[in-house]
Protein backbone atom coordinates (compact mmCIF):
# COMPACT_ATOMS: atom_id res chain seq x y z
CA MET A 1 210.23 -55.56 167.02
CA LEU A 2 212.43 -53.33 164.90
CA ASP A 3 212.86 -55.91 162.30
CA ILE A 4 209.12 -56.41 162.04
CA LEU A 5 208.60 -52.64 161.85
CA VAL A 6 211.12 -52.36 158.97
CA THR A 7 209.43 -55.17 157.10
CA PHE A 8 206.17 -53.44 157.58
CA ALA A 9 207.51 -50.19 156.22
CA GLU A 10 208.94 -52.01 153.20
CA GLN A 11 205.60 -53.79 152.50
CA LEU A 12 203.76 -50.57 152.82
CA ARG A 13 206.15 -49.00 150.25
CA GLU A 14 205.50 -52.02 148.00
CA GLU A 15 201.76 -51.05 148.26
CA GLY A 16 202.42 -47.49 147.18
CA PHE A 17 202.78 -45.84 150.56
CA ASP A 18 205.39 -43.09 150.87
CA VAL A 19 206.96 -43.94 154.31
CA SER A 20 209.90 -41.93 155.07
CA ALA A 21 212.80 -42.79 157.28
CA SER A 22 211.80 -40.18 159.81
CA GLU A 23 208.37 -41.68 159.96
CA LEU A 24 209.77 -45.03 160.61
CA ILE A 25 211.98 -43.52 163.37
CA ASP A 26 208.88 -41.83 164.81
CA ALA A 27 206.87 -45.03 164.77
CA SER A 28 209.65 -46.98 166.51
CA ARG A 29 210.06 -44.26 169.29
CA ALA A 30 206.24 -44.26 169.89
CA LEU A 31 206.08 -48.03 170.18
CA CYS A 32 208.47 -47.73 173.17
CA LEU A 33 205.75 -45.72 174.96
CA VAL A 34 202.86 -48.11 174.57
CA ASP A 35 201.75 -51.66 175.40
CA ILE A 36 202.81 -53.58 172.20
CA THR A 37 200.58 -56.44 173.11
CA ASP A 38 197.45 -54.27 172.37
CA LYS A 39 197.14 -54.86 168.66
CA GLY A 40 194.54 -52.08 168.20
CA LEU A 41 196.69 -49.57 169.87
CA VAL A 42 199.82 -50.55 167.76
CA ARG A 43 197.71 -50.38 164.51
CA ASP A 44 196.37 -46.93 165.44
CA LEU A 45 199.84 -45.74 166.49
CA LEU A 46 201.42 -46.92 163.21
CA ARG A 47 198.65 -45.62 161.10
CA SER A 48 199.07 -42.21 162.73
CA THR A 49 202.80 -42.09 162.06
CA MET A 50 202.89 -43.60 158.72
CA VAL A 51 199.68 -42.72 156.82
CA LYS A 52 199.20 -39.40 155.17
CA GLU A 53 195.88 -39.87 153.44
CA PRO A 54 192.83 -41.06 155.37
CA ASP A 55 191.32 -42.88 152.46
CA THR A 56 194.21 -45.32 152.44
CA ALA A 57 193.32 -46.85 155.95
CA ARG A 58 191.83 -50.04 154.39
CA ARG A 59 194.99 -50.78 152.47
CA PHE A 60 197.11 -49.91 155.51
CA ASP A 61 195.03 -52.48 157.51
CA ALA A 62 195.53 -55.19 154.98
CA VAL A 63 199.31 -54.80 155.10
CA PHE A 64 199.20 -54.55 158.89
CA ASP A 65 197.25 -57.85 159.12
CA ARG A 66 199.60 -59.54 156.67
CA VAL A 67 202.85 -58.31 158.56
CA PHE A 68 201.75 -58.63 162.16
CA ARG A 69 200.55 -62.01 163.10
CA VAL A 70 198.78 -62.10 166.36
CA SER A 71 198.39 -65.42 168.30
CA ALA A 72 196.25 -66.14 171.27
CA GLY A 73 196.23 -62.41 172.41
CA LYS A 74 199.98 -62.16 172.81
CA GLY A 75 200.16 -59.13 170.59
CA PRO A 76 202.33 -58.45 167.45
CA GLY A 77 204.54 -61.35 166.75
CA THR A 78 206.86 -62.34 163.98
CA PRO A 79 206.23 -61.27 160.33
CA GLY A 80 203.54 -63.48 158.82
CA ALA A 81 203.40 -65.10 155.52
CA PRO A 82 201.50 -63.10 152.90
């Protein structure tokens, strides 16, 4: 999961998001406390730890969907192809 999270942060940065190392650490710690098979919960958690501007949520969601491939309700899987 950590590899996927790092990939996600890198892709957010490529899209112009300013994701700091401390935000990445906060996100990884928070993920340890929730059911990572719940895509909505994971999305909300990552958005709350990595997004500073509320008007960027749509771009965030697009990157999330590109990176986190969900298959048959199994939750976040391996990085997906763009």
